[in-house]
PDB file of N, CA and C in Angstrom:
ATOM      1  N   MET A   1    -147.230  94.411 -41.613  1.00  0.00           N
ATOM      2  CA  MET A   1    -147.583  93.032 -41.750  1.00  0.00           C
ATOM      3  C   MET A   1    -148.745  92.900 -42.724  1.00  0.00           C
ATOM      4  N   THR A   2    -148.762  91.771 -43.411  1.00  0.00           N
ATOM      5  CA  THR A   2    -149.862  91.500 -44.329  1.00  0.00           C
ATOM      6  C   THR A   2    -150.476  90.150 -44.001  1.00  0.00           C
ATOM      7  N   GLN A   3    -151.725  89.980 -44.382  1.00  0.00           N
ATOM      8  CA  GLN A   3    -152.411  88.715 -44.132  1.00  0.00           C
ATOM      9  C   GLN A   3    -151.657  87.595 -44.825  1.00  0.00           C
ATOM     10  N   GLY A   4    -151.433  86.496 -44.113  1.00  0.00           N
ATOM     11  CA  GLY A   4    -150.737  85.350 -44.666  1.00  0.00           C
ATOM     12  C   GLY A   4    -149.225  85.396 -44.505  1.00  0.00           C
ATOM     13  N   GLN A   5    -148.697  86.519 -44.022  1.00  0.00           N
ATOM     14  CA  GLN A   5    -147.255  86.654 -43.822  1.00  0.00           C
ATOM     15  C   GLN A   5    -146.813  85.778 -42.657  1.00  0.00           C
ATOM     16  N   VAL A   6    -145.724  85.052 -42.835  1.00  0.00           N
ATOM     17  CA  VAL A   6    -145.176  84.224 -41.760  1.00  0.00           C
ATOM     18  C   VAL A   6    -144.571  85.147 -40.706  1.00  0.00           C
ATOM     19  N   ILE A   7    -144.978  84.960 -39.455  1.00  0.00           N
ATOM     20  CA  ILE A   7    -144.445  85.788 -38.368  1.00  0.00           C
ATOM     21  C   ILE A   7    -143.675  84.952 -37.348  1.00  0.00           C
ATOM     22  N   GLY A   8    -143.638  83.632 -37.535  1.00  0.00           N
ATOM     23  CA  GLY A   8    -142.914  82.753 -36.626  1.00  0.00           C
ATOM     24  C   GLY A   8    -143.076  81.317 -37.068  1.00  0.00           C
ATOM     25  N   GLU A   9    -142.510  80.416 -36.295  1.00  0.00           N
ATOM     26  CA  GLU A   9    -142.652  79.003 -36.593  1.00  0.00           C
ATOM     27  C   GLU A   9    -142.657  78.222 -35.293  1.00  0.00           C
ATOM     28  N   VAL A  10    -143.267  77.043 -35.328  1.00  0.00           N
ATOM     29  CA  VAL A  10    -143.335  76.170 -34.167  1.00  0.00           C
ATOM     30  C   VAL A  10    -142.351  75.040 -34.396  1.00  0.00           C
ATOM     31  N   GLN A  11    -141.514  74.771 -33.407  1.00  0.00           N
ATOM     32  CA  GLN A  11    -140.524  73.702 -33.508  1.00  0.00           C
ATOM     33  C   GLN A  11    -140.737  72.714 -32.381  1.00  0.00           C
ATOM     34  N   ALA A  12    -140.330  71.475 -32.630  1.00  0.00           N
ATOM     35  CA  ALA A  12    -140.398  70.455 -31.588  1.00  0.00           C
ATOM     36  C   ALA A  12    -139.497  70.875 -30.439  1.00  0.00           C
ATOM     37  N   GLY A  13    -139.892  70.494 -29.231  1.00  0.00           N
ATOM     38  CA  GLY A  13    -139.067  70.905 -28.093  1.00  0.00           C
ATOM     39  C   GLY A  13    -139.485  70.234 -26.820  1.00  0.00           C
ATOM     40  N   HIS A  14    -139.729  71.026 -25.797  1.00  0.00           N
ATOM     41  CA  HIS A  14    -139.955  70.520 -24.446  1.00  0.00           C
ATOM     42  C   HIS A  14    -141.348  69.964 -24.207  1.00  0.00           C
ATOM     43  N   CYS A  15    -142.295  70.265 -25.043  1.00  0.00           N
ATOM     44  CA  CYS A  15    -143.671  69.813 -24.811  1.00  0.00           C
ATOM     45  C   CYS A  15    -143.840  68.358 -25.234  1.00  0.00           C
ATOM     46  N   THR A  16    -144.588  67.597 -24.426  1.00  0.00           N
ATOM     47  CA  THR A  16    -144.877  66.205 -24.787  1.00  0.00           C
ATOM     48  C   THR A  16    -146.123  66.103 -25.649  1.00  0.00           C
ATOM     49  N   ARG A  17    -146.858  67.193 -25.751  1.00  0.00           N
ATOM     50  CA  ARG A  17    -148.027  67.264 -26.623  1.00  0.00           C
ATOM     51  C   ARG A  17    -147.992  68.634 -27.299  1.00  0.00           C
ATOM     52  N   PRO A  18    -148.759  68.828 -28.351  1.00  0.00           N
ATOM     53  CA  PRO A  18    -148.699  70.129 -29.039  1.00  0.00           C
ATOM     54  C   PRO A  18    -148.992  71.294 -28.084  1.00  0.00           C
ATOM     55  N   CYS A  19    -148.154  72.312 -28.136  1.00  0.00           N
ATOM     56  CA  CYS A  19    -148.352  73.496 -27.311  1.00  0.00           C
ATOM     57  C   CYS A  19    -147.714  74.687 -28.016  1.00  0.00           C
ATOM     58  N   LEU A  20    -148.049  75.861 -27.558  1.00  0.00           N
ATOM     59  CA  LEU A  20    -147.492  77.074 -28.142  1.00  0.00           C
ATOM     60  C   LEU A  20    -147.278  78.090 -27.036  1.00  0.00           C
ATOM     61  N   HIS A  21    -146.095  78.657 -26.986  1.00  0.00           N
ATOM     62  CA  HIS A  21    -145.759  79.736 -26.068  1.00  0.00           C
ATOM     63  C   HIS A  21    -145.351  80.919 -26.936  1.00  0.00           C
ATOM     64  N   PHE A  22    -145.804  82.091 -26.606  1.00  0.00           N
ATOM     65  CA  PHE A  22    -145.401  83.240 -27.406  1.00  0.00           C
ATOM     66  C   PHE A  22    -145.358  84.493 -26.566  1.00  0.00           C
ATOM     67  N   GLY A  23    -144.655  85.473 -27.071  1.00  0.00           N
ATOM     68  CA  GLY A  23    -144.554  86.772 -26.425  1.00  0.00           C
ATOM     69  C   GLY A  23    -144.710  87.845 -27.483  1.00  0.00           C
ATOM     70  N   VAL A  24    -144.882  89.058 -27.042  1.00  0.00           N
ATOM     71  CA  VAL A  24    -145.047  90.193 -27.954  1.00  0.00           C
ATOM     72  C   VAL A  24    -144.059  91.273 -27.543  1.00  0.00           C
ATOM     73  N   ARG A  25    -143.384  91.848 -28.530  1.00  0.00           N
ATOM     74  CA  ARG A  25    -142.495  92.977 -28.280  1.00  0.00           C
ATOM     75  C   ARG A  25    -142.965  94.167 -29.108  1.00  0.00           C
ATOM     76  N   VAL A  26    -142.890  95.335 -28.525  1.00  0.00           N
ATOM     77  CA  VAL A  26    -143.163  96.583 -29.230  1.00  0.00           C
ATOM     78  C   VAL A  26    -141.911  97.436 -29.075  1.00  0.00           C
ATOM     79  N   GLU A  27    -141.296  97.751 -30.180  1.00  0.00           N
ATOM     80  CA  GLU A  27    -140.040  98.509 -30.188  1.00  0.00           C
ATOM     81  C   GLU A  27    -139.005  97.882 -29.258  1.00  0.00           C
ATOM     82  N   GLY A  28    -138.930  96.546 -29.275  1.00  0.00           N
ATOM     83  CA  GLY A  28    -137.934  95.817 -28.498  1.00  0.00           C
ATOM     84  C   GLY A  28    -138.299  95.513 -27.066  1.00  0.00           C
ATOM     85  N   GLU A  29    -139.390  96.068 -26.560  1.00  0.00           N
ATOM     86  CA  GLU A  29    -139.812  95.840 -25.173  1.00  0.00           C
ATOM     87  C   GLU A  29    -140.968  94.848 -25.136  1.00  0.00           C
ATOM     88  N   TYR A  30    -140.880  93.880 -24.216  1.00  0.00           N
ATOM     89  CA  TYR A  30    -141.984  92.938 -24.068  1.00  0.00           C
ATOM     90  C   TYR A  30    -143.228  93.643 -23.532  1.00  0.00           C
ATOM     91  N   VAL A  31    -144.373  93.287 -24.088  1.00  0.00           N
ATOM     92  CA  VAL A  31    -145.664  93.779 -23.613  1.00  0.00           C
ATOM     93  C   VAL A  31    -146.580  92.572 -23.440  1.00  0.00           C
ATOM     94  N   SER A  32    -147.650  92.742 -22.733  1.00  0.00           N
ATOM     95  CA  SER A  32    -148.577  91.647 -22.498  1.00  0.00           C
ATOM     96  C   SER A  32    -149.252  91.215 -23.796  1.00  0.00           C
ATOM     97  N   PRO A  33    -149.150  89.928 -24.148  1.00  0.00           N
ATOM     98  CA  PRO A  33    -149.841  89.455 -25.343  1.00  0.00           C
ATOM     99  C   PRO A  33    -151.362  89.528 -25.199  1.00  0.00           C
ATOM    100  N   LEU A  34    -151.842  89.628 -23.946  1.00  0.00           N
ATOM    101  CA  LEU A  34    -153.289  89.728 -23.744  1.00  0.00           C
ATOM    102  C   LEU A  34    -153.856  90.986 -24.399  1.00  0.00           C
ATOM    103  N   ASN A  35    -153.006  92.001 -24.593  1.00  0.00           N
ATOM    104  CA  ASN A  35    -153.459  93.212 -25.279  1.00  0.00           C
ATOM    105  C   ASN A  35    -153.897  92.925 -26.711  1.00  0.00           C
ATOM    106  N   TYR A  36    -153.445  91.798 -27.255  1.00  0.00           N
ATOM    107  CA  TYR A  36    -153.709  91.468 -28.653  1.00  0.00           C
ATOM    108  C   TYR A  36    -154.627  90.263 -28.808  1.00  0.00           C
ATOM    109  N   LEU A  37    -155.142  89.736 -27.704  1.00  0.00           N
ATOM    110  CA  LEU A  37    -156.001  88.544 -27.736  1.00  0.00           C
ATOM    111  C   LEU A  37    -157.362  88.852 -27.131  1.00  0.00           C
ATOM    112  N   SER A  38    -158.072  89.755 -27.709  1.00  0.00           N
ATOM    113  CA  SER A  38    -159.371  90.137 -27.147  1.00  0.00           C
ATOM    114  C   SER A  38    -160.342  88.961 -27.169  1.00  0.00           C
ATOM    115  N   GLY A  39    -161.116  88.855 -26.121  1.00  0.00           N
ATOM    116  CA  GLY A  39    -162.145  87.831 -26.043  1.00  0.00           C
ATOM    117  C   GLY A  39    -161.667  86.489 -25.528  1.00  0.00           C
ATOM    118  N   ILE A  40    -160.377  86.350 -25.237  1.00  0.00           N
ATOM    119  CA  ILE A  40    -159.868  85.085 -24.715  1.00  0.00           C
ATOM    120  C   ILE A  40    -159.629  85.266 -23.222  1.00  0.00           C
ATOM    121  N   PRO A  41    -160.221  84.394 -22.385  1.00  0.00           N
ATOM    122  CA  PRO A  41    -160.042  84.551 -20.948  1.00  0.00           C
ATOM    123  C   PRO A  41    -158.581  84.375 -20.548  1.00  0.00           C
ATOM    124  N   ARG A  42    -158.176  85.039 -19.490  1.00  0.00           N
ATOM    125  CA  ARG A  42    -156.809  84.978 -18.993  1.00  0.00           C
ATOM    126  C   ARG A  42    -156.491  83.585 -18.476  1.00  0.00           C
ATOM    127  N   ALA A  43    -155.322  83.069 -18.833  1.00  0.00           N
ATOM    128  CA  ALA A  43    -154.869  81.765 -18.357  1.00  0.00           C
ATOM    129  C   ALA A  43    -154.237  81.924 -16.981  1.00  0.00           C
ATOM    130  N   VAL A  44    -154.420  80.929 -16.142  1.00  0.00           N
ATOM    131  CA  VAL A  44    -153.787  80.916 -14.831  1.00  0.00           C
ATOM    132  C   VAL A  44    -152.875  79.700 -14.800  1.00  0.00           C
ATOM    133  N   LEU A  45    -151.579  79.928 -14.643  1.00  0.00           N
ATOM    134  CA  LEU A  45    -150.622  78.832 -14.615  1.00  0.00           C
ATOM    135  C   LEU A  45    -150.560  78.242 -13.217  1.00  0.00           C
ATOM    136  N   LEU A  46    -150.605  76.929 -13.150  1.00  0.00           N
ATOM    137  CA  LEU A  46    -150.555  76.224 -11.878  1.00  0.00           C
ATOM    138  C   LEU A  46    -149.265  75.423 -11.801  1.00  0.00           C
ATOM    139  N   PRO A  47    -148.764  75.140 -10.601  1.00  0.00           N
ATOM    140  CA  PRO A  47    -147.552  74.337 -10.476  1.00  0.00           C
ATOM    141  C   PRO A  47    -147.761  72.947 -11.069  1.00  0.00           C
ATOM    142  N   THR A  48    -146.727  72.421 -11.719  1.00  0.00           N
ATOM    143  CA  THR A  48    -146.817  71.084 -12.288  1.00  0.00           C
ATOM    144  C   THR A  48    -146.052  70.069 -11.471  1.00  0.00           C
ATOM    145  N   ARG A  49    -145.258  70.545 -10.522  1.00  0.00           N
ATOM    146  CA  ARG A  49    -144.447  69.648  -9.693  1.00  0.00           C
ATOM    147  C   ARG A  49    -144.692  69.979  -8.222  1.00  0.00           C
ATOM    148  N   THR A  50    -144.562  68.980  -7.393  1.00  0.00           N
ATOM    149  CA  THR A  50    -144.647  69.211  -5.945  1.00  0.00           C
ATOM    150  C   THR A  50    -143.240  69.124  -5.377  1.00  0.00           C
ATOM    151  N   SER A  51    -142.986  69.819  -4.308  1.00  0.00           N
ATOM    152  CA  SER A  51    -141.656  69.765  -3.696  1.00  0.00           C
ATOM    153  C   SER A  51    -141.478  68.415  -3.007  1.00  0.00           C
ATOM    154  N   ALA A  52    -140.258  67.957  -2.965  1.00  0.00           N
ATOM    155  CA  ALA A  52    -139.937  66.661  -2.341  1.00  0.00           C
ATOM    156  C   ALA A  52    -140.205  66.733  -0.848  1.00  0.00           C
ATOM    157  N   ALA A  53    -140.610  65.616  -0.284  1.00  0.00           N
ATOM    158  CA  ALA A  53    -140.845  65.553   1.176  1.00  0.00           C
ATOM    159  C   ALA A  53    -139.534  65.802   1.903  1.00  0.00           C
ATOM    160  N   ARG A  54    -139.594  66.532   3.007  1.00  0.00           N
ATOM    161  CA  ARG A  54    -138.369  66.847   3.767  1.00  0.00           C
ATOM    162  C   ARG A  54    -138.123  65.850   4.840  1.00  0.00           C
TER     163      ARG A  54
END
């Protein structure tokens, strides 16, 4: 890879506001992207929907 090389693109989709989801593969196997994002605190995903009342 070289600086300035395009490695992906962002397309309109499911997000109602700008967002980015990404993954990392090494030799075809997914690995944690956190290995490549030093200094950024880990995100904790929370539920966005509640279950319907029974």
